[in-house]
């Protein structure tokens, strides 16, 4: 199953921004910046990663629950698995 390429491009962009933010956190640590500034930036990275994960799940939810990988088979992802994915991001 392939997720919507348009949505995944947005997720990819979000992850690239998070990567840049994480690089900034590492640089800030190396430079000895204030704890408050480092934690603020680290919090932004964490939120960006969480949002990317939720966007992937949201984009694929309908597809995973309703469209089997092979015609005639059960859906690729059931409600219990979807719930587990959501909880893994919480």
PDB file of N, CA and C in Angstrom:
ATOM      1  N   UNK A   1       0.842  -1.164   0.000  1.00  0.00           N
ATOM      2  CA  UNK A   1       0.000   0.000   0.000  1.00  0.00           C
ATOM      3  C   UNK A   1       0.894   1.236   0.000  1.00  0.00           C
ATOM      4  N   UNK A   2       0.535   2.198  -0.809  1.00  0.00           N
ATOM      5  CA  UNK A   2       1.303   3.435  -0.887  1.00  0.00           C
ATOM      6  C   UNK A   2       0.454   4.575  -0.359  1.00  0.00           C
ATOM      7  N   UNK A   3       1.028   5.371   0.521  1.00  0.00           N
ATOM      8  CA  UNK A   3       0.317   6.521   1.069  1.00  0.00           C
ATOM      9  C   UNK A   3       0.289   7.634   0.036  1.00  0.00           C
ATOM     10  N   UNK A   4      -0.647   8.550   0.193  1.00  0.00           N
ATOM     11  CA  UNK A   4      -0.836   9.672  -0.727  1.00  0.00           C
ATOM     12  C   UNK A   4       0.462  10.461  -0.886  1.00  0.00           C
ATOM     13  N   UNK A   5       1.033  10.477  -2.097  1.00  0.00           N
ATOM     14  CA  UNK A   5       2.316  11.157  -2.314  1.00  0.00           C
ATOM     15  C   UNK A   5       2.282  12.650  -1.966  1.00  0.00           C
ATOM     16  N   UNK A   6       1.170  13.320  -2.199  1.00  0.00           N
ATOM     17  CA  UNK A   6       1.065  14.744  -1.877  1.00  0.00           C
ATOM     18  C   UNK A   6       1.181  14.961  -0.372  1.00  0.00           C
ATOM     19  N   UNK A   7       0.458  14.137   0.389  1.00  0.00           N
ATOM     20  CA  UNK A   7       0.518  14.246   1.838  1.00  0.00           C
ATOM     21  C   UNK A   7       1.892  13.861   2.368  1.00  0.00           C
ATOM     22  N   UNK A   8       2.483  12.839   1.779  1.00  0.00           N
ATOM     23  CA  UNK A   8       3.791  12.391   2.255  1.00  0.00           C
ATOM     24  C   UNK A   8       4.886  13.397   1.917  1.00  0.00           C
ATOM     25  N   UNK A   9       4.707  14.171   0.863  1.00  0.00           N
ATOM     26  CA  UNK A   9       5.661  15.250   0.551  1.00  0.00           C
ATOM     27  C   UNK A   9       5.626  16.297   1.659  1.00  0.00           C
ATOM     28  N   UNK A  10       4.426  16.604   2.144  1.00  0.00           N
ATOM     29  CA  UNK A  10       4.291  17.560   3.254  1.00  0.00           C
ATOM     30  C   UNK A  10       4.956  17.006   4.508  1.00  0.00           C
ATOM     31  N   UNK A  11       4.754  15.711   4.763  1.00  0.00           N
ATOM     32  CA  UNK A  11       5.376  15.080   5.927  1.00  0.00           C
ATOM     33  C   UNK A  11       6.896  15.115   5.778  1.00  0.00           C
ATOM     34  N   UNK A  12       7.381  14.825   4.586  1.00  0.00           N
ATOM     35  CA  UNK A  12       8.820  14.867   4.332  1.00  0.00           C
ATOM     36  C   UNK A  12       9.401  16.247   4.609  1.00  0.00           C
ATOM     37  N   UNK A  13       8.687  17.283   4.187  1.00  0.00           N
ATOM     38  CA  UNK A  13       9.137  18.654   4.452  1.00  0.00           C
ATOM     39  C   UNK A  13       9.170  18.940   5.954  1.00  0.00           C
ATOM     40  N   UNK A  14       8.153  18.460   6.652  1.00  0.00           N
ATOM     41  CA  UNK A  14       8.097  18.664   8.099  1.00  0.00           C
ATOM     42  C   UNK A  14       9.271  17.966   8.789  1.00  0.00           C
ATOM     43  N   UNK A  15       9.580  16.759   8.329  1.00  0.00           N
ATOM     44  CA  UNK A  15      10.695  16.007   8.911  1.00  0.00           C
ATOM     45  C   UNK A  15      12.038  16.678   8.612  1.00  0.00           C
ATOM     46  N   UNK A  16      12.163  17.260   7.429  1.00  0.00           N
ATOM     47  CA  UNK A  16      13.397  17.975   7.093  1.00  0.00           C
ATOM     48  C   UNK A  16      13.575  19.198   7.985  1.00  0.00           C
ATOM     49  N   UNK A  17      12.468  19.900   8.273  1.00  0.00           N
ATOM     50  CA  UNK A  17      12.544  21.039   9.198  1.00  0.00           C
ATOM     51  C   UNK A  17      12.946  20.557  10.588  1.00  0.00           C
ATOM     52  N   UNK A  18      12.367  19.429  11.019  1.00  0.00           N
ATOM     53  CA  UNK A  18      12.712  18.868  12.329  1.00  0.00           C
ATOM     54  C   UNK A  18      14.187  18.489  12.375  1.00  0.00           C
ATOM     55  N   UNK A  19      14.680  17.958  11.271  1.00  0.00           N
ATOM     56  CA  UNK A  19      16.100  17.596  11.198  1.00  0.00           C
ATOM     57  C   UNK A  19      16.970  18.848  11.384  1.00  0.00           C
ATOM     58  N   UNK A  20      16.580  19.928  10.745  1.00  0.00           N
ATOM     59  CA  UNK A  20      17.302  21.189  10.901  1.00  0.00           C
ATOM     60  C   UNK A  20      17.236  21.695  12.333  1.00  0.00           C
ATOM     61  N   UNK A  21      16.070  21.570  12.950  1.00  0.00           N
ATOM     62  CA  UNK A  21      15.923  21.992  14.336  1.00  0.00           C
ATOM     63  C   UNK A  21      16.801  21.145  15.253  1.00  0.00           C
ATOM     64  N   UNK A  22      16.874  19.849  14.999  1.00  0.00           N
ATOM     65  CA  UNK A  22      17.700  18.970  15.815  1.00  0.00           C
ATOM     66  C   UNK A  22      19.185  19.319  15.651  1.00  0.00           C
ATOM     67  N   UNK A  23      19.577  19.628  14.442  1.00  0.00           N
ATOM     68  CA  UNK A  23      20.953  20.067  14.202  1.00  0.00           C
ATOM     69  C   UNK A  23      21.243  21.334  15.007  1.00  0.00           C
ATOM     70  N   UNK A  24      20.262  22.222  15.068  1.00  0.00           N
ATOM     71  CA  UNK A  24      20.419  23.458  15.843  1.00  0.00           C
ATOM     72  C   UNK A  24      20.548  23.154  17.328  1.00  0.00           C
ATOM     73  N   UNK A  25      19.796  22.179  17.824  1.00  0.00           N
ATOM     74  CA  UNK A  25      19.887  21.805  19.237  1.00  0.00           C
ATOM     75  C   UNK A  25      21.295  21.308  19.554  1.00  0.00           C
ATOM     76  N   UNK A  26      21.824  20.459  18.699  1.00  0.00           N
ATOM     77  CA  UNK A  26      23.177  19.924  18.909  1.00  0.00           C
ATOM     78  C   UNK A  26      24.202  21.061  18.903  1.00  0.00           C
ATOM     79  N   UNK A  27      24.057  21.968  17.951  1.00  0.00           N
ATOM     80  CA  UNK A  27      24.965  23.119  17.875  1.00  0.00           C
ATOM     81  C   UNK A  27      24.857  23.965  19.140  1.00  0.00           C
ATOM     82  N   UNK A  28      23.631  24.182  19.606  1.00  0.00           N
ATOM     83  CA  UNK A  28      23.419  24.975  20.816  1.00  0.00           C
ATOM     84  C   UNK A  28      24.100  24.332  22.019  1.00  0.00           C
ATOM     85  N   UNK A  29      24.007  23.017  22.112  1.00  0.00           N
ATOM     86  CA  UNK A  29      24.679  22.309  23.208  1.00  0.00           C
ATOM     87  C   UNK A  29      26.191  22.485  23.110  1.00  0.00           C
ATOM     88  N   UNK A  30      26.714  22.319  21.904  1.00  0.00           N
ATOM     89  CA  UNK A  30      28.159  22.462  21.682  1.00  0.00           C
ATOM     90  C   UNK A  30      28.647  23.863  22.022  1.00  0.00           C
ATOM     91  N   UNK A  31      27.794  24.855  21.773  1.00  0.00           N
ATOM     92  CA  UNK A  31      28.154  26.245  22.031  1.00  0.00           C
ATOM     93  C   UNK A  31      27.873  26.680  23.466  1.00  0.00           C
ATOM     94  N   UNK A  32      27.259  25.803  24.242  1.00  0.00           N
ATOM     95  CA  UNK A  32      26.978  26.120  25.637  1.00  0.00           C
ATOM     96  C   UNK A  32      25.857  27.118  25.834  1.00  0.00           C
ATOM     97  N   UNK A  33      24.879  27.094  24.949  1.00  0.00           N
ATOM     98  CA  UNK A  33      23.753  28.027  25.068  1.00  0.00           C
ATOM     99  C   UNK A  33      22.925  27.696  26.312  1.00  0.00           C
ATOM    100  N   UNK A  34      22.053  28.595  26.673  1.00  0.00           N
ATOM    101  CA  UNK A  34      21.275  28.453  27.903  1.00  0.00           C
ATOM    102  C   UNK A  34      20.349  27.236  27.845  1.00  0.00           C
ATOM    103  N   UNK A  35      20.126  26.680  29.005  1.00  0.00           N
ATOM    104  CA  UNK A  35      19.255  25.519  29.131  1.00  0.00           C
ATOM    105  C   UNK A  35      17.858  25.832  28.588  1.00  0.00           C
ATOM    106  N   UNK A  36      17.351  27.004  28.899  1.00  0.00           N
ATOM    107  CA  UNK A  36      16.007  27.391  28.458  1.00  0.00           C
ATOM    108  C   UNK A  36      15.912  27.395  26.931  1.00  0.00           C
ATOM    109  N   UNK A  37      16.911  27.953  26.273  1.00  0.00           N
ATOM    110  CA  UNK A  37      16.901  28.004  24.812  1.00  0.00           C
ATOM    111  C   UNK A  37      16.994  26.609  24.202  1.00  0.00           C
ATOM    112  N   UNK A  38      17.844  25.763  24.787  1.00  0.00           N
ATOM    113  CA  UNK A  38      18.006  24.398  24.277  1.00  0.00           C
ATOM    114  C   UNK A  38      16.707  23.616  24.436  1.00  0.00           C
ATOM    115  N   UNK A  39      16.102  23.706  25.606  1.00  0.00           N
ATOM    116  CA  UNK A  39      14.863  22.970  25.863  1.00  0.00           C
ATOM    117  C   UNK A  39      13.736  23.475  24.972  1.00  0.00           C
ATOM    118  N   UNK A  40      13.673  24.767  24.756  1.00  0.00           N
ATOM    119  CA  UNK A  40      12.645  25.328  23.867  1.00  0.00           C
ATOM    120  C   UNK A  40      12.794  24.768  22.459  1.00  0.00           C
ATOM    121  N   UNK A  41      14.012  24.747  21.969  1.00  0.00           N
ATOM    122  CA  UNK A  41      14.253  24.225  20.615  1.00  0.00           C
ATOM    123  C   UNK A  41      13.992  22.724  20.558  1.00  0.00           C
ATOM    124  N   UNK A  42      14.393  22.000  21.595  1.00  0.00           N
ATOM    125  CA  UNK A  42      14.159  20.560  21.639  1.00  0.00           C
ATOM    126  C   UNK A  42      12.668  20.243  21.672  1.00  0.00           C
ATOM    127  N   UNK A  43      11.916  21.064  22.360  1.00  0.00           N
ATOM    128  CA  UNK A  43      10.463  20.905  22.393  1.00  0.00           C
ATOM    129  C   UNK A  43       9.863  21.084  21.005  1.00  0.00           C
ATOM    130  N   UNK A  44      10.380  22.026  20.238  1.00  0.00           N
ATOM    131  CA  UNK A  44       9.903  22.242  18.870  1.00  0.00           C
ATOM    132  C   UNK A  44      10.197  21.028  17.997  1.00  0.00           C
ATOM    133  N   UNK A  45      11.369  20.428  18.190  1.00  0.00           N
ATOM    134  CA  UNK A  45      11.713  19.218  17.433  1.00  0.00           C
ATOM    135  C   UNK A  45      10.731  18.098  17.768  1.00  0.00           C
ATOM    136  N   UNK A  46      10.478  17.930  19.039  1.00  0.00           N
ATOM    137  CA  UNK A  46       9.576  16.865  19.487  1.00  0.00           C
ATOM    138  C   UNK A  46       8.176  17.043  18.903  1.00  0.00           C
ATOM    139  N   UNK A  47       7.663  18.265  18.942  1.00  0.00           N
ATOM    140  CA  UNK A  47       6.332  18.536  18.374  1.00  0.00           C
ATOM    141  C   UNK A  47       6.306  18.262  16.875  1.00  0.00           C
ATOM    142  N   UNK A  48       7.361  18.653  16.181  1.00  0.00           N
ATOM    143  CA  UNK A  48       7.412  18.438  14.733  1.00  0.00           C
ATOM    144  C   UNK A  48       7.401  16.940  14.409  1.00  0.00           C
ATOM    145  N   UNK A  49       8.138  16.159  15.169  1.00  0.00           N
ATOM    146  CA  UNK A  49       8.150  14.712  14.944  1.00  0.00           C
ATOM    147  C   UNK A  49       6.792  14.092  15.251  1.00  0.00           C
ATOM    148  N   UNK A  50       6.179  14.523  16.347  1.00  0.00           N
ATOM    149  CA  UNK A  50       4.851  14.008  16.693  1.00  0.00           C
ATOM    150  C   UNK A  50       3.843  14.331  15.594  1.00  0.00           C
ATOM    151  N   UNK A  51       3.874  15.562  15.131  1.00  0.00           N
ATOM    152  CA  UNK A  51       2.926  15.957  14.077  1.00  0.00           C
ATOM    153  C   UNK A  51       3.161  15.173  12.789  1.00  0.00           C
ATOM    154  N   UNK A  52       4.404  14.899  12.466  1.00  0.00           N
ATOM    155  CA  UNK A  52       4.694  14.102  11.273  1.00  0.00           C
ATOM    156  C   UNK A  52       4.127  12.693  11.431  1.00  0.00           C
ATOM    157  N   UNK A  53       4.311  12.112  12.601  1.00  0.00           N
ATOM    158  CA  UNK A  53       3.780  10.776  12.851  1.00  0.00           C
ATOM    159  C   UNK A  53       2.262  10.742  12.760  1.00  0.00           C
ATOM    160  N   UNK A  54       1.606  11.714  13.372  1.00  0.00           N
ATOM    161  CA  UNK A  54       0.148  11.771  13.302  1.00  0.00           C
ATOM    162  C   UNK A  54      -0.331  12.003  11.874  1.00  0.00           C
ATOM    163  N   UNK A  55       0.396  12.809  11.117  1.00  0.00           N
ATOM    164  CA  UNK A  55       0.008  13.054   9.725  1.00  0.00           C
ATOM    165  C   UNK A  55       0.107  11.779   8.897  1.00  0.00           C
ATOM    166  N   UNK A  56       1.129  10.983   9.145  1.00  0.00           N
ATOM    167  CA  UNK A  56       1.262   9.717   8.425  1.00  0.00           C
ATOM    168  C   UNK A  56       0.105   8.793   8.768  1.00  0.00           C
ATOM    169  N   UNK A  57      -0.209   8.690  10.048  1.00  0.00           N
ATOM    170  CA  UNK A  57      -1.317   7.824  10.465  1.00  0.00           C
ATOM    171  C   UNK A  57      -2.634   8.342   9.907  1.00  0.00           C
ATOM    172  N   UNK A  58      -2.877   9.656  10.015  1.00  0.00           N
ATOM    173  CA  UNK A  58      -4.136  10.217   9.527  1.00  0.00           C
ATOM    174  C   UNK A  58      -4.285  10.021   8.029  1.00  0.00           C
ATOM    175  N   UNK A  59      -3.191  10.207   7.297  1.00  0.00           N
ATOM    176  CA  UNK A  59      -3.246  10.064   5.846  1.00  0.00           C
ATOM    177  C   UNK A  59      -3.562   8.634   5.435  1.00  0.00           C
ATOM    178  N   UNK A  60      -3.005   7.696   6.178  1.00  0.00           N
ATOM    179  CA  UNK A  60      -3.203   6.298   5.809  1.00  0.00           C
ATOM    180  C   UNK A  60      -4.361   5.607   6.486  1.00  0.00           C
ATOM    181  N   UNK A  61      -5.017   6.279   7.435  1.00  0.00           N
ATOM    182  CA  UNK A  61      -6.053   5.627   8.222  1.00  0.00           C
ATOM    183  C   UNK A  61      -7.158   5.023   7.361  1.00  0.00           C
ATOM    184  N   UNK A  62      -7.771   5.804   6.532  1.00  0.00           N
ATOM    185  CA  UNK A  62      -8.868   5.297   5.714  1.00  0.00           C
ATOM    186  C   UNK A  62      -8.372   4.192   4.789  1.00  0.00           C
ATOM    187  N   UNK A  63      -7.255   4.441   4.184  1.00  0.00           N
ATOM    188  CA  UNK A  63      -6.672   3.474   3.253  1.00  0.00           C
ATOM    189  C   UNK A  63      -6.367   2.163   3.964  1.00  0.00           C
ATOM    190  N   UNK A  64      -5.742   2.245   5.113  1.00  0.00           N
ATOM    191  CA  UNK A  64      -5.335   1.047   5.842  1.00  0.00           C
ATOM    192  C   UNK A  64      -6.521   0.273   6.394  1.00  0.00           C
ATOM    193  N   UNK A  65      -7.564   0.988   6.785  1.00  0.00           N
ATOM    194  CA  UNK A  65      -8.715   0.314   7.381  1.00  0.00           C
ATOM    195  C   UNK A  65      -9.692  -0.224   6.343  1.00  0.00           C
ATOM    196  N   UNK A  66      -9.719   0.348   5.169  1.00  0.00           N
ATOM    197  CA  UNK A  66     -10.752  -0.030   4.216  1.00  0.00           C
ATOM    198  C   UNK A  66     -10.254  -0.725   2.966  1.00  0.00           C
ATOM    199  N   UNK A  67      -9.004  -0.513   2.616  1.00  0.00           N
ATOM    200  CA  UNK A  67      -8.511  -1.069   1.354  1.00  0.00           C
ATOM    201  C   UNK A  67      -7.490  -2.168   1.612  1.00  0.00           C
ATOM    202  N   UNK A  68      -7.827  -3.402   1.314  1.00  0.00           N
ATOM    203  CA  UNK A  68      -6.858  -4.476   1.484  1.00  0.00           C
ATOM    204  C   UNK A  68      -5.712  -4.344   0.493  1.00  0.00           C
ATOM    205  N   UNK A  69      -4.574  -4.902   0.865  1.00  0.00           N
ATOM    206  CA  UNK A  69      -3.411  -4.887  -0.030  1.00  0.00           C
ATOM    207  C   UNK A  69      -3.703  -5.686  -1.293  1.00  0.00           C
ATOM    208  N   UNK A  70      -4.412  -6.780  -1.126  1.00  0.00           N
ATOM    209  CA  UNK A  70      -4.781  -7.627  -2.247  1.00  0.00           C
ATOM    210  C   UNK A  70      -6.299  -7.753  -2.260  1.00  0.00           C
ATOM    211  N   UNK A  71      -6.936  -7.565  -3.401  1.00  0.00           N
ATOM    212  CA  UNK A  71      -8.393  -7.690  -3.455  1.00  0.00           C
ATOM    213  C   UNK A  71      -8.851  -9.029  -2.870  1.00  0.00           C
ATOM    214  N   UNK A  72      -9.901  -8.968  -2.068  1.00  0.00           N
ATOM    215  CA  UNK A  72     -10.444 -10.174  -1.458  1.00  0.00           C
ATOM    216  C   UNK A  72      -9.863 -10.482  -0.093  1.00  0.00           C
ATOM    217  N   UNK A  73      -8.825  -9.770   0.306  1.00  0.00           N
ATOM    218  CA  UNK A  73      -8.209  -9.984   1.611  1.00  0.00           C
ATOM    219  C   UNK A  73      -8.742  -8.967   2.616  1.00  0.00           C
ATOM    220  N   UNK A  74      -8.442  -9.206   3.874  1.00  0.00           N
ATOM    221  CA  UNK A  74      -8.838  -8.285   4.938  1.00  0.00           C
ATOM    222  C   UNK A  74      -7.998  -7.011   4.828  1.00  0.00           C
ATOM    223  N   UNK A  75      -8.504  -5.911   5.388  1.00  0.00           N
ATOM    224  CA  UNK A  75      -7.711  -4.675   5.390  1.00  0.00           C
ATOM    225  C   UNK A  75      -6.338  -4.905   6.017  1.00  0.00           C
ATOM    226  N   UNK A  76      -5.368  -4.125   5.571  1.00  0.00           N
ATOM    227  CA  UNK A  76      -3.991  -4.299   6.023  1.00  0.00           C
ATOM    228  C   UNK A  76      -3.811  -3.916   7.484  1.00  0.00           C
ATOM    229  N   UNK A  77      -4.634  -3.029   8.007  1.00  0.00           N
ATOM    230  CA  UNK A  77      -4.471  -2.526   9.363  1.00  0.00           C
ATOM    231  C   UNK A  77      -5.828  -2.490  10.038  1.00  0.00           C
ATOM    232  N   UNK A  78      -5.958  -3.206  11.152  1.00  0.00           N
ATOM    233  CA  UNK A  78      -7.239  -3.186  11.839  1.00  0.00           C
ATOM    234  C   UNK A  78      -7.253  -2.096  12.909  1.00  0.00           C
ATOM    235  N   UNK A  79      -8.387  -1.917  13.551  1.00  0.00           N
ATOM    236  CA  UNK A  79      -8.554  -0.845  14.525  1.00  0.00           C
ATOM    237  C   UNK A  79      -7.567  -0.993  15.683  1.00  0.00           C
ATOM    238  N   UNK A  80      -7.342  -2.203  16.156  1.00  0.00           N
ATOM    239  CA  UNK A  80      -6.426  -2.420  17.275  1.00  0.00           C
ATOM    240  C   UNK A  80      -5.001  -1.992  16.913  1.00  0.00           C
ATOM    241  N   UNK A  81      -4.575  -2.329  15.711  1.00  0.00           N
ATOM    242  CA  UNK A  81      -3.232  -1.920  15.283  1.00  0.00           C
ATOM    243  C   UNK A  81      -3.146  -0.406  15.142  1.00  0.00           C
ATOM    244  N   UNK A  82      -4.201   0.203  14.621  1.00  0.00           N
ATOM    245  CA  UNK A  82      -4.224   1.650  14.467  1.00  0.00           C
ATOM    246  C   UNK A  82      -4.155   2.336  15.834  1.00  0.00           C
ATOM    247  N   UNK A  83      -4.910   1.816  16.788  1.00  0.00           N
ATOM    248  CA  UNK A  83      -4.887   2.372  18.138  1.00  0.00           C
ATOM    249  C   UNK A  83      -3.474   2.276  18.736  1.00  0.00           C
ATOM    250  N   UNK A  84      -2.819   1.142  18.521  1.00  0.00           N
ATOM    251  CA  UNK A  84      -1.461   0.952  19.013  1.00  0.00           C
ATOM    252  C   UNK A  84      -0.510   1.970  18.390  1.00  0.00           C
ATOM    253  N   UNK A  85      -0.677   2.258  17.098  1.00  0.00           N
ATOM    254  CA  UNK A  85       0.160   3.262  16.433  1.00  0.00           C
ATOM    255  C   UNK A  85      -0.042   4.644  17.046  1.00  0.00           C
ATOM    256  N   UNK A  86      -1.316   5.014  17.280  1.00  0.00           N
ATOM    257  CA  UNK A  86      -1.592   6.303  17.882  1.00  0.00           C
ATOM    258  C   UNK A  86      -0.965   6.397  19.272  1.00  0.00           C
ATOM    259  N   UNK A  87      -1.126   5.344  20.062  1.00  0.00           N
ATOM    260  CA  UNK A  87      -0.596   5.360  21.424  1.00  0.00           C
ATOM    261  C   UNK A  87       0.924   5.391  21.441  1.00  0.00           C
ATOM    262  N   UNK A  88       1.558   4.843  20.425  1.00  0.00           N
ATOM    263  CA  UNK A  88       3.015   4.871  20.388  1.00  0.00           C
ATOM    264  C   UNK A  88       3.534   6.290  20.213  1.00  0.00           C
ATOM    265  N   UNK A  89       2.715   7.182  19.697  1.00  0.00           N
ATOM    266  CA  UNK A  89       3.117   8.584  19.527  1.00  0.00           C
ATOM    267  C   UNK A  89       2.748   9.452  20.725  1.00  0.00           C
ATOM    268  N   UNK A  90       1.929   8.905  21.617  1.00  0.00           N
ATOM    269  CA  UNK A  90       1.485   9.695  22.776  1.00  0.00           C
ATOM    270  C   UNK A  90       2.554   9.825  23.832  1.00  0.00           C
TER     271      UNK A  90
END
